[in-house]
């Protein structure tokens, strides 16, 4: 399921959650737990925490999905998160205007600012989207570690 970038063999974890507001915190907790187990540095964990929060929130707020999928991978210095929805959003995900007075529309701008690269591609089921983001760890050794943290 690697679209939009390449990753060498590395650590990975995947899970599904109901597309509910409470799943935002659960996705964040699971991603942070995995990144900690893999020895990822604090700055990179904090950035990924914001990214997963924004991407999962977008699924909950802007699609009619019953469930969402998260896939997290680490290889070398690169972290990749993919969030899959079941579709029926009005449009493909795109950054908002960033209106400082608006209550919404800045999430993907934040993802863009924190990520090395990010994008969207159609879901493999023919319905929905996969929004992915790649972040660079601040220290290679922190991401590589030994194989003990593999899922």
C-alpha atoms as a PDB file:
ATOM      1  CA  UNK A   1       0.000   0.000   0.000  1.00  0.00           C
ATOM      2  CA  UNK A   2       2.933   2.300  -0.572  1.00  0.00           C
ATOM      3  CA  UNK A   3       1.804   5.085  -2.916  1.00  0.00           C
ATOM      4  CA  UNK A   4       3.548   8.408  -3.274  1.00  0.00           C
ATOM      5  CA  UNK A   5       6.903   7.418  -1.839  1.00  0.00           C
ATOM      6  CA  UNK A   6       9.170   4.495  -1.105  1.00  0.00           C
ATOM      7  CA  UNK A   7      10.347   2.965   2.136  1.00  0.00           C
ATOM      8  CA  UNK A   8      12.941   0.336   2.716  1.00  0.00           C
ATOM      9  CA  UNK A   9      12.098  -2.701   4.863  1.00  0.00           C
ATOM     10  CA  UNK A  10      11.393  -1.425   8.369  1.00  0.00           C
ATOM     11  CA  UNK A  11       9.019  -1.461  11.289  1.00  0.00           C
ATOM     12  CA  UNK A  12       5.292  -1.233  10.743  1.00  0.00           C
ATOM     13  CA  UNK A  13       1.995  -1.342  12.583  1.00  0.00           C
ATOM     14  CA  UNK A  14      -1.581  -1.161  11.317  1.00  0.00           C
ATOM     15  CA  UNK A  15      -4.938  -0.911  13.051  1.00  0.00           C
ATOM     16  CA  UNK A  16      -8.571  -0.003  12.408  1.00  0.00           C
ATOM     17  CA  UNK A  17     -10.897   2.087  14.554  1.00  0.00           C
ATOM     18  CA  UNK A  18     -14.514   3.209  14.323  1.00  0.00           C
ATOM     19  CA  UNK A  19     -14.817   6.634  12.678  1.00  0.00           C
ATOM     20  CA  UNK A  20     -15.857   8.363  15.912  1.00  0.00           C
ATOM     21  CA  UNK A  21     -14.496  11.445  17.708  1.00  0.00           C
ATOM     22  CA  UNK A  22     -13.182   9.224  20.504  1.00  0.00           C
ATOM     23  CA  UNK A  23     -10.999   7.407  17.964  1.00  0.00           C
ATOM     24  CA  UNK A  24      -8.813  10.498  17.492  1.00  0.00           C
ATOM     25  CA  UNK A  25      -7.378  10.100  20.995  1.00  0.00           C
ATOM     26  CA  UNK A  26      -7.103   6.320  20.585  1.00  0.00           C
ATOM     27  CA  UNK A  27      -5.210   6.637  17.280  1.00  0.00           C
ATOM     28  CA  UNK A  28      -2.887   9.216  18.837  1.00  0.00           C
ATOM     29  CA  UNK A  29      -2.256   6.948  21.848  1.00  0.00           C
ATOM     30  CA  UNK A  30      -1.536   3.902  19.693  1.00  0.00           C
ATOM     31  CA  UNK A  31       0.827   5.774  17.359  1.00  0.00           C
ATOM     32  CA  UNK A  32       2.729   7.377  20.253  1.00  0.00           C
ATOM     33  CA  UNK A  33       2.991   4.029  22.026  1.00  0.00           C
ATOM     34  CA  UNK A  34       4.439   2.370  18.929  1.00  0.00           C
ATOM     35  CA  UNK A  35       6.867   5.214  18.184  1.00  0.00           C
ATOM     36  CA  UNK A  36       8.079   5.127  21.800  1.00  0.00           C
ATOM     37  CA  UNK A  37       8.613   1.358  21.565  1.00  0.00           C
ATOM     38  CA  UNK A  38      10.634   1.919  18.391  1.00  0.00           C
ATOM     39  CA  UNK A  39      12.829   4.518  20.145  1.00  0.00           C
ATOM     40  CA  UNK A  40      11.744   7.451  17.960  1.00  0.00           C
ATOM     41  CA  UNK A  41      12.963  10.814  19.309  1.00  0.00           C
ATOM     42  CA  UNK A  42      10.648  13.181  21.218  1.00  0.00           C
ATOM     43  CA  UNK A  43      10.442  15.871  18.526  1.00  0.00           C
ATOM     44  CA  UNK A  44       9.461  13.377  15.830  1.00  0.00           C
ATOM     45  CA  UNK A  45       6.888  11.734  18.126  1.00  0.00           C
ATOM     46  CA  UNK A  46       5.342  15.137  18.884  1.00  0.00           C
ATOM     47  CA  UNK A  47       5.132  16.001  15.173  1.00  0.00           C
ATOM     48  CA  UNK A  48       3.557  12.645  14.328  1.00  0.00           C
ATOM     49  CA  UNK A  49       1.093  13.095  17.202  1.00  0.00           C
ATOM     50  CA  UNK A  50      -0.172  16.275  15.555  1.00  0.00           C
ATOM     51  CA  UNK A  51      -0.280  14.688  12.107  1.00  0.00           C
ATOM     52  CA  UNK A  52      -2.264  11.621  13.216  1.00  0.00           C
ATOM     53  CA  UNK A  53      -4.669  13.858  15.144  1.00  0.00           C
ATOM     54  CA  UNK A  54      -5.345  15.991  12.077  1.00  0.00           C
ATOM     55  CA  UNK A  55      -5.713  13.132   9.609  1.00  0.00           C
ATOM     56  CA  UNK A  56      -8.017  11.058  11.823  1.00  0.00           C
ATOM     57  CA  UNK A  57     -10.076  14.144  12.712  1.00  0.00           C
ATOM     58  CA  UNK A  58     -10.549  14.809   8.989  1.00  0.00           C
ATOM     59  CA  UNK A  59     -11.945  11.293   8.461  1.00  0.00           C
ATOM     60  CA  UNK A  60     -14.353  11.704  11.372  1.00  0.00           C
ATOM     61  CA  UNK A  61     -15.508  15.209  10.381  1.00  0.00           C
ATOM     62  CA  UNK A  62     -15.520  15.102   6.592  1.00  0.00           C
ATOM     63  CA  UNK A  63     -16.494  11.563   5.498  1.00  0.00           C
ATOM     64  CA  UNK A  64     -19.350   9.171   6.129  1.00  0.00           C
ATOM     65  CA  UNK A  65     -16.925   6.388   7.060  1.00  0.00           C
ATOM     66  CA  UNK A  66     -17.921   3.807   9.637  1.00  0.00           C
ATOM     67  CA  UNK A  67     -14.304   2.856  10.236  1.00  0.00           C
ATOM     68  CA  UNK A  68     -10.840   4.177   9.468  1.00  0.00           C
ATOM     69  CA  UNK A  69      -7.495   2.531   9.040  1.00  0.00           C
ATOM     70  CA  UNK A  70      -4.067   3.667  10.197  1.00  0.00           C
ATOM     71  CA  UNK A  71      -0.778   2.278   9.008  1.00  0.00           C
ATOM     72  CA  UNK A  72       2.487   3.448  10.526  1.00  0.00           C
ATOM     73  CA  UNK A  73       5.944   2.585   9.199  1.00  0.00           C
ATOM     74  CA  UNK A  74       9.485   3.517  10.145  1.00  0.00           C
ATOM     75  CA  UNK A  75      12.544   2.944   7.995  1.00  0.00           C
ATOM     76  CA  UNK A  76      15.875   4.694   8.374  1.00  0.00           C
ATOM     77  CA  UNK A  77      15.048   8.252   9.361  1.00  0.00           C
ATOM     78  CA  UNK A  78      11.628   8.229   7.703  1.00  0.00           C
ATOM     79  CA  UNK A  79       8.255   7.822   9.397  1.00  0.00           C
ATOM     80  CA  UNK A  80       5.184   7.270   7.244  1.00  0.00           C
ATOM     81  CA  UNK A  81       1.562   7.415   8.360  1.00  0.00           C
ATOM     82  CA  UNK A  82      -1.350   6.443   6.121  1.00  0.00           C
ATOM     83  CA  UNK A  83      -4.947   7.074   7.188  1.00  0.00           C
ATOM     84  CA  UNK A  84      -7.638   5.379   5.109  1.00  0.00           C
ATOM     85  CA  UNK A  85     -11.303   6.354   5.018  1.00  0.00           C
ATOM     86  CA  UNK A  86     -14.332   4.708   3.442  1.00  0.00           C
ATOM     87  CA  UNK A  87     -15.259   7.723   1.409  1.00  0.00           C
ATOM     88  CA  UNK A  88     -18.091   9.989   0.443  1.00  0.00           C
ATOM     89  CA  UNK A  89     -16.370  13.236   1.296  1.00  0.00           C
ATOM     90  CA  UNK A  90     -17.571  16.112  -0.877  1.00  0.00           C
ATOM     91  CA  UNK A  91     -14.065  16.596  -2.324  1.00  0.00           C
ATOM     92  CA  UNK A  92     -10.584  15.115  -2.159  1.00  0.00           C
ATOM     93  CA  UNK A  93      -8.734  16.286   0.971  1.00  0.00           C
ATOM     94  CA  UNK A  94      -6.841  19.540   0.396  1.00  0.00           C
ATOM     95  CA  UNK A  95      -5.433  22.305   2.603  1.00  0.00           C
ATOM     96  CA  UNK A  96      -7.892  25.008   3.627  1.00  0.00           C
ATOM     97  CA  UNK A  97      -7.368  28.717   3.319  1.00  0.00           C
ATOM     98  CA  UNK A  98      -5.760  29.033   6.736  1.00  0.00           C
ATOM     99  CA  UNK A  99      -8.197  31.785   7.716  1.00  0.00           C
ATOM    100  CA  UNK A 100      -7.068  32.760  11.218  1.00  0.00           C
ATOM    101  CA  UNK A 101     -10.645  33.626  12.212  1.00  0.00           C
ATOM    102  CA  UNK A 102     -12.109  30.344  10.934  1.00  0.00           C
ATOM    103  CA  UNK A 103     -12.674  27.368  13.213  1.00  0.00           C
ATOM    104  CA  UNK A 104     -11.645  24.787  10.618  1.00  0.00           C
ATOM    105  CA  UNK A 105      -9.491  24.434   7.530  1.00  0.00           C
ATOM    106  CA  UNK A 106      -5.986  24.556   8.956  1.00  0.00           C
ATOM    107  CA  UNK A 107      -5.395  20.853   9.631  1.00  0.00           C
ATOM    108  CA  UNK A 108      -3.775  19.943   6.321  1.00  0.00           C
ATOM    109  CA  UNK A 109      -1.764  23.171   6.417  1.00  0.00           C
ATOM    110  CA  UNK A 110      -0.323  21.880   9.696  1.00  0.00           C
ATOM    111  CA  UNK A 111       0.307  18.455   8.136  1.00  0.00           C
ATOM    112  CA  UNK A 112       2.084  20.190   5.242  1.00  0.00           C
ATOM    113  CA  UNK A 113       4.250  22.228   7.631  1.00  0.00           C
ATOM    114  CA  UNK A 114       5.276  19.203   9.717  1.00  0.00           C
ATOM    115  CA  UNK A 115       5.755  16.679   6.917  1.00  0.00           C
ATOM    116  CA  UNK A 116       8.644  16.121   4.540  1.00  0.00           C
ATOM    117  CA  UNK A 117       5.952  15.248   1.991  1.00  0.00           C
ATOM    118  CA  UNK A 118       2.303  14.215   2.016  1.00  0.00           C
ATOM    119  CA  UNK A 119      -0.449  13.349  -0.433  1.00  0.00           C
ATOM    120  CA  UNK A 120      -3.714  11.642  -1.228  1.00  0.00           C
ATOM    121  CA  UNK A 121      -4.574   8.679  -3.410  1.00  0.00           C
ATOM    122  CA  UNK A 122      -7.752   6.649  -3.960  1.00  0.00           C
ATOM    123  CA  UNK A 123      -8.477   3.827  -1.516  1.00  0.00           C
ATOM    124  CA  UNK A 124      -7.726   0.327  -2.735  1.00  0.00           C
ATOM    125  CA  UNK A 125     -11.388  -0.685  -2.397  1.00  0.00           C
ATOM    126  CA  UNK A 126     -12.394   1.855  -5.043  1.00  0.00           C
ATOM    127  CA  UNK A 127     -14.092   3.946  -2.387  1.00  0.00           C
ATOM    128  CA  UNK A 128     -12.527   6.503  -0.104  1.00  0.00           C
ATOM    129  CA  UNK A 129      -9.064   7.976   0.130  1.00  0.00           C
ATOM    130  CA  UNK A 130      -5.716   7.289   1.697  1.00  0.00           C
ATOM    131  CA  UNK A 131      -4.039  10.406   3.042  1.00  0.00           C
ATOM    132  CA  UNK A 132      -0.372   9.829   3.794  1.00  0.00           C
ATOM    133  CA  UNK A 133       2.384  11.882   5.367  1.00  0.00           C
ATOM    134  CA  UNK A 134       6.092  11.259   5.732  1.00  0.00           C
ATOM    135  CA  UNK A 135       8.194  12.853   8.443  1.00  0.00           C
ATOM    136  CA  UNK A 136      11.927  12.783   8.904  1.00  0.00           C
ATOM    137  CA  UNK A 137      13.274  11.728  12.317  1.00  0.00           C
ATOM    138  CA  UNK A 138      15.778  14.128  13.797  1.00  0.00           C
ATOM    139  CA  UNK A 139      18.278  11.335  14.509  1.00  0.00           C
ATOM    140  CA  UNK A 140      18.850   8.196  12.431  1.00  0.00           C
ATOM    141  CA  UNK A 141      19.903   6.017  15.355  1.00  0.00           C
ATOM    142  CA  UNK A 142      16.706   6.807  17.218  1.00  0.00           C
ATOM    143  CA  UNK A 143      14.595   5.402  14.389  1.00  0.00           C
ATOM    144  CA  UNK A 144      16.742   2.402  13.535  1.00  0.00           C
ATOM    145  CA  UNK A 145      17.471   0.801  16.918  1.00  0.00           C
ATOM    146  CA  UNK A 146      17.271  -2.990  16.946  1.00  0.00           C
ATOM    147  CA  UNK A 147      14.506  -5.237  15.661  1.00  0.00           C
ATOM    148  CA  UNK A 148      12.855  -5.666  19.094  1.00  0.00           C
ATOM    149  CA  UNK A 149      10.141  -3.113  18.372  1.00  0.00           C
ATOM    150  CA  UNK A 150       8.813  -4.734  15.195  1.00  0.00           C
ATOM    151  CA  UNK A 151       5.095  -5.375  15.143  1.00  0.00           C
END
